[in-house]
Amino acid sequence: MKKYIYGLLFLGLTSYVSPNEKELVKPVKLEIKVQKMHTLGLIGGTSWHSTLDYYSTINQTVNDHFGNNTNPPLLVYTLNQAEVHRFQTQDKWDSIANMLTNAALNLNKAGAESVMFCANTPHKVYNSVQEQLDFPVIHIADATAKAIKKKGLKKVCFIGTKYSMEEDFITKRIEENGLEVLVPEDEKVIDELHRIIIEELTYGTVKPESKAYVLSVINNMINDGAEGVILGCTEFPLMIFQEDLEVPAFDTTKIHSLSAVDFILNE
């Protein structure tokens, strides 16, 4: 019994803290720094297959940046691709511009500080849309030109939809960065590449014979001096991979997605 009492007295004495000592014990305030991320709006649906690649690449890259499962603040607005294609065939690009502008404004109202078109062809109306907005639209050609110059290349080739190959709303912007861009000139080749995109790739279908055709077009331009290949339709990376080529491939989907991460992380 005495041992038990002595034990209690010992515990009481060792755990006793004088009033003066209490004043010396101050709580430690831990400061955890959280990196502020900017909210980005993705205008997708053209096609939804490539929009998934945008979403996946952006999320995975931000996860890798933080070394955990931190997700970026993303908002997604999906356009009706059937309606977009109908307006394209009817040459109603003003209607497409209105669709993109409305999507951008809705994303901005929801909190997006910037937006991007998740495809190359919508950039045909980039200027019309951007002038209606007081926040930036991240351009796919600017990011692509930067990636090409980083590789030290001077001359590249470009494949995309009929609209982006016959017109220069993408290629000219790249060329303004001091680069030379080759595009297919044969109308039959342009039509076939466009058909493969619209009738196959936008549905997620990859046919071996179509892939062989696309690679033959690319190799012809490589023989004409192209040092790299711009996959200027966000569906082409579903079919053409770096291991298929002997020169660098510039996947505009991935490049554009990484520029989105730079915006989100303010880098």
Protein backbone atom coordinates (compact mmCIF):
# COMPACT_ATOMS: atom_id res chain seq x y z
CA MET A 1 0.00 0.00 0.00
CA LYS A 2 2.85 2.38 0.91
CA LYS A 3 4.56 1.60 -2.42
CA TYR A 4 1.32 2.44 -4.20
CA ILE A 5 1.04 5.83 -2.40
CA TYR A 6 4.71 6.66 -3.05
CA GLY A 7 4.15 5.88 -6.71
CA LEU A 8 1.24 8.31 -6.94
CA LEU A 9 3.27 11.02 -5.18
CA PHE A 10 6.14 10.48 -7.63
CA LEU A 11 3.85 10.77 -10.66
CA GLY A 12 2.27 13.90 -9.22
CA LEU A 13 5.63 15.56 -8.59
CA THR A 14 7.05 14.69 -12.02
CA SER A 15 3.94 15.96 -13.83
CA TYR A 16 3.72 19.18 -11.84
CA VAL A 17 4.52 22.38 -13.73
CA SER A 18 4.97 25.59 -11.78
CA PRO A 19 3.03 28.70 -12.80
CA ASN A 20 6.26 30.31 -14.02
CA GLU A 21 7.07 27.30 -16.19
CA LYS A 22 3.58 27.41 -17.70
CA GLU A 23 4.30 30.91 -18.95
CA LEU A 24 7.35 29.61 -20.79
CA VAL A 25 5.40 26.91 -22.61
CA LYS A 26 3.94 28.50 -25.74
CA PRO A 27 1.92 26.72 -28.41
CA VAL A 28 3.76 26.18 -31.68
CA LYS A 29 1.86 27.51 -34.69
CA LEU A 30 2.43 25.37 -37.76
CA GLU A 31 2.20 27.19 -41.07
CA ILE A 32 1.30 25.04 -44.05
CA LYS A 33 1.89 26.81 -47.34
CA VAL A 34 -0.70 25.99 -49.99
CA GLN A 35 0.10 26.99 -53.55
CA LYS A 36 -2.68 29.07 -55.05
CA MET A 37 -4.01 27.64 -58.27
CA HIS A 38 -5.91 29.53 -60.97
CA THR A 39 -9.24 28.18 -62.19
CA LEU A 40 -9.32 27.16 -65.86
CA GLY A 41 -12.28 26.45 -68.11
CA LEU A 42 -12.08 23.78 -70.81
CA ILE A 43 -14.37 24.10 -73.83
CA GLY A 44 -14.55 20.53 -75.06
CA GLY A 45 -16.70 18.10 -76.98
CA THR A 46 -14.84 18.53 -80.28
CA SER A 47 -14.44 15.63 -79.82
CA TRP A 48 -15.11 14.34 -76.32
CA HIS A 49 -12.40 11.71 -76.85
CA SER A 50 -9.66 14.35 -77.02
CA THR A 51 -11.34 16.34 -74.24
CA LEU A 52 -10.78 13.34 -71.99
CA ASP A 53 -7.07 13.48 -72.88
CA TYR A 54 -6.96 17.17 -71.90
CA TYR A 55 -8.66 16.47 -68.59
CA SER A 56 -6.46 13.45 -67.83
CA THR A 57 -3.17 15.12 -68.78
CA ILE A 58 -3.87 18.29 -66.79
CA ASN A 59 -4.92 16.39 -63.67
CA GLN A 60 -2.02 13.93 -63.83
CA THR A 61 0.55 16.68 -64.37
CA VAL A 62 -0.76 18.66 -61.39
CA ASN A 63 -0.72 15.48 -59.29
CA ASP A 64 2.91 14.93 -60.29
CA HIS A 65 3.79 18.55 -59.49
CA PHE A 66 2.55 18.25 -55.90
CA GLY A 67 3.59 14.64 -55.47
CA ASN A 68 0.15 13.63 -54.23
CA ASN A 69 -3.48 13.59 -55.36
CA THR A 70 -3.94 17.38 -55.45
CA ASN A 71 -6.37 18.19 -58.25
CA PRO A 72 -6.53 21.44 -60.24
CA PRO A 73 -9.61 23.69 -60.27
CA LEU A 74 -11.05 22.78 -63.69
CA LEU A 75 -14.42 23.54 -65.21
CA VAL A 76 -15.58 21.75 -68.37
CA TYR A 77 -18.18 22.90 -70.91
CA THR A 78 -19.04 20.32 -73.57
CA LEU A 79 -20.20 21.55 -76.97
CA ASN A 80 -22.57 19.55 -79.16
CA GLN A 81 -20.18 18.24 -81.82
CA ALA A 82 -22.97 17.32 -84.22
CA GLU A 83 -24.09 20.95 -84.20
CA VAL A 84 -20.52 22.19 -84.64
CA HIS A 85 -20.01 19.91 -87.67
CA ARG A 86 -23.32 21.07 -89.15
CA PHE A 87 -22.28 24.70 -88.87
CA GLN A 88 -18.89 23.85 -90.41
CA THR A 89 -20.43 22.21 -93.47
CA GLN A 90 -22.81 25.16 -93.83
CA ASP A 91 -19.89 27.59 -93.49
CA LYS A 92 -21.58 29.22 -90.50
CA TRP A 93 -18.45 30.05 -88.54
CA ASP A 94 -20.16 33.00 -86.86
CA SER A 95 -22.52 30.51 -85.24
CA ILE A 96 -19.56 28.46 -84.01
CA ALA A 97 -17.97 31.64 -82.66
CA ASN A 98 -21.22 32.36 -80.77
CA MET A 99 -21.21 28.84 -79.30
CA LEU A 100 -17.63 29.25 -78.10
CA THR A 101 -18.25 32.75 -76.74
CA ASN A 102 -21.32 31.64 -74.78
CA ALA A 103 -19.40 28.66 -73.42
CA ALA A 104 -16.51 30.88 -72.35
CA LEU A 105 -18.81 33.39 -70.65
CA ASN A 106 -20.64 30.64 -68.77
CA LEU A 107 -17.32 29.19 -67.58
CA ASN A 108 -16.18 32.62 -66.48
CA LYS A 109 -19.39 33.15 -64.52
CA ALA A 110 -18.73 29.83 -62.82
CA GLY A 111 -15.27 31.01 -61.77
CA ALA A 112 -12.87 30.34 -64.66
CA GLU A 113 -10.12 32.95 -64.95
CA SER A 114 -9.11 31.74 -68.42
CA VAL A 115 -10.41 29.24 -70.96
CA MET A 116 -9.11 27.13 -73.82
CA PHE A 117 -10.64 25.47 -76.87
CA CYS A 118 -9.83 21.76 -76.60
CA ALA A 119 -9.20 21.36 -80.33
CA ASN A 120 -7.31 23.06 -83.17
CA THR A 121 -10.11 23.87 -85.62
CA PRO A 122 -12.14 26.14 -83.28
CA HIS A 123 -9.14 28.49 -83.31
CA LYS A 124 -10.34 29.57 -86.76
CA VAL A 125 -12.65 31.96 -84.88
CA TYR A 126 -10.22 32.65 -82.02
CA ASN A 127 -9.99 36.39 -82.70
CA SER A 128 -13.78 36.79 -82.95
CA VAL A 129 -14.23 35.07 -79.61
CA GLN A 130 -11.32 36.71 -77.78
CA GLU A 131 -12.49 40.22 -78.64
CA GLN A 132 -15.80 39.49 -76.90
CA LEU A 133 -14.07 38.48 -73.66
CA ASP A 134 -12.17 40.37 -70.96
CA PHE A 135 -10.19 37.28 -69.91
CA PRO A 136 -7.64 35.28 -71.93
CA VAL A 137 -8.16 32.30 -74.20
CA ILE A 138 -4.97 30.18 -74.22
CA HIS A 139 -4.04 29.65 -77.90
CA ILE A 140 -2.93 26.20 -79.04
CA ALA A 141 -0.53 27.52 -81.71
CA ASP A 142 1.47 29.65 -79.26
CA ALA A 143 2.15 26.68 -77.03
CA THR A 144 3.03 24.50 -80.05
CA ALA A 145 5.49 27.02 -81.49
CA LYS A 146 7.20 27.27 -78.12
CA ALA A 147 7.59 23.47 -77.95
CA ILE A 148 9.05 23.31 -81.48
CA LYS A 149 11.56 26.07 -80.81
CA LYS A 150 12.59 24.35 -77.60
CA LYS A 151 13.62 21.36 -79.74
CA GLY A 152 15.72 23.65 -81.92
CA LEU A 153 13.84 22.82 -85.13
CA LYS A 154 13.27 25.22 -88.02
CA LYS A 155 11.05 23.32 -90.45
CA VAL A 156 8.07 21.14 -89.55
CA CYS A 157 5.01 19.71 -91.25
CA PHE A 158 1.37 20.00 -90.19
CA ILE A 159 -1.65 17.74 -90.56
CA GLY A 160 -5.12 18.58 -89.31
CA THR A 161 -8.67 19.09 -90.49
CA LYS A 162 -9.43 20.43 -93.94
CA TYR A 163 -10.03 23.85 -92.43
CA SER A 164 -6.68 24.07 -90.61
CA MET A 165 -4.73 22.74 -93.61
CA GLU A 166 -6.36 24.91 -96.28
CA GLU A 167 -6.34 28.03 -94.10
CA ASP A 168 -3.52 29.46 -92.02
CA PHE A 169 -5.16 30.36 -88.71
CA ILE A 170 -2.88 27.82 -86.99
CA THR A 171 0.14 27.57 -89.29
CA LYS A 172 0.58 31.31 -89.77
CA ARG A 173 0.64 31.90 -86.03
CA ILE A 174 3.33 29.22 -85.73
CA GLU A 175 5.30 30.72 -88.63
CA GLU A 176 5.22 34.12 -86.92
CA ASN A 177 7.58 32.53 -84.41
CA GLY A 178 10.28 32.13 -87.07
CA LEU A 179 9.35 28.59 -88.14
CA GLU A 180 8.60 27.10 -91.56
CA VAL A 181 5.51 24.90 -91.77
CA LEU A 182 4.73 22.45 -94.59
CA VAL A 183 1.15 21.31 -95.22
CA PRO A 184 -0.27 18.83 -97.74
CA GLU A 185 -1.07 20.55 -101.02
CA ASP A 186 -2.95 17.83 -102.90
CA GLU A 187 -6.70 18.38 -102.50
CA LYS A 188 -7.37 14.62 -102.49
CA VAL A 189 -4.90 14.13 -99.66
CA ILE A 190 -6.47 16.95 -97.66
CA ASP A 191 -9.96 15.53 -98.21
CA GLU A 192 -8.89 12.03 -97.14
CA LEU A 193 -7.17 13.25 -93.96
CA HIS A 194 -10.29 15.25 -93.12
CA ARG A 195 -12.51 12.22 -93.78
CA ILE A 196 -10.42 10.05 -91.46
CA ILE A 197 -10.81 12.62 -88.70
CA ILE A 198 -14.54 13.24 -89.10
CA GLU A 199 -15.74 9.73 -89.95
CA GLU A 200 -13.38 7.68 -87.83
CA LEU A 201 -11.27 9.39 -85.18
CA THR A 202 -14.03 11.58 -83.73
CA TYR A 203 -15.88 8.33 -83.01
CA GLY A 204 -12.78 6.82 -81.40
CA THR A 205 -12.23 4.45 -84.34
CA VAL A 206 -8.67 3.71 -85.50
CA LYS A 207 -8.34 1.67 -88.70
CA PRO A 208 -4.94 0.19 -89.65
CA GLU A 209 -5.32 1.21 -93.30
CA SER A 210 -6.14 4.79 -92.31
CA LYS A 211 -3.13 4.94 -90.01
CA ALA A 212 -0.91 3.67 -92.83
CA TYR A 213 -2.28 6.39 -95.11
CA VAL A 214 -1.64 9.16 -92.58
CA LEU A 215 1.91 7.92 -92.01
CA SER A 216 2.56 7.90 -95.77
CA VAL A 217 1.47 11.55 -95.98
CA ILE A 218 3.74 12.47 -93.09
CA ASN A 219 6.73 10.60 -94.53
CA ASN A 220 6.34 12.39 -97.86
CA MET A 221 6.68 15.73 -96.08
CA ILE A 222 9.63 14.43 -94.07
CA ASN A 223 11.26 13.61 -97.39
CA ASP A 224 10.65 17.25 -98.35
CA GLY A 225 12.70 18.41 -95.37
CA ALA A 226 10.33 18.44 -92.41
CA GLU A 227 12.28 17.96 -89.17
CA GLY A 228 9.20 17.36 -87.07
CA VAL A 229 5.47 16.66 -87.33
CA ILE A 230 2.67 18.73 -85.81
CA LEU A 231 -0.34 16.55 -85.09
CA GLY A 232 -2.60 19.52 -85.67
CA CYS A 233 -5.87 17.80 -84.91
CA THR A 234 -6.44 16.73 -81.33
CA GLU A 235 -7.72 13.36 -82.61
CA PHE A 236 -4.52 12.37 -84.43
CA PRO A 237 -2.71 11.41 -81.18
CA LEU A 238 -5.33 8.66 -80.87
CA MET A 239 -3.72 7.13 -83.97
CA ILE A 240 -0.16 8.43 -84.45
CA PHE A 241 2.49 7.92 -81.77
CA GLN A 242 6.11 9.00 -81.42
CA GLU A 243 7.32 5.43 -81.97
CA ASP A 244 5.66 5.52 -85.41
CA LEU A 245 8.00 8.30 -86.56
CA GLU A 246 11.71 8.95 -87.02
CA VAL A 247 11.35 12.67 -86.28
CA PRO A 248 9.83 14.45 -83.26
CA ALA A 249 6.03 14.45 -83.11
CA PHE A 250 4.31 17.46 -81.59
CA ASP A 251 1.09 16.32 -79.97
CA THR A 252 -0.94 19.53 -79.80
CA THR A 253 -3.33 17.96 -77.29
CA LYS A 254 -0.54 17.29 -74.82
CA ILE A 255 1.29 20.56 -75.54
CA HIS A 256 -1.88 22.61 -75.06
CA SER A 257 -2.68 20.67 -71.87
CA LEU A 258 0.76 21.43 -70.42
CA SER A 259 0.30 25.13 -71.18
CA ALA A 260 -2.93 24.86 -69.21
CA VAL A 261 -0.97 23.51 -66.25
CA ASP A 262 1.44 26.46 -66.51
CA PHE A 263 -1.54 28.81 -66.23
CA ILE A 264 -3.10 26.91 -63.34
CA LEU A 265 0.15 26.88 -61.37
CA ASN A 266 1.07 30.42 -62.44
CA GLU A 267 4.38 29.29 -63.94
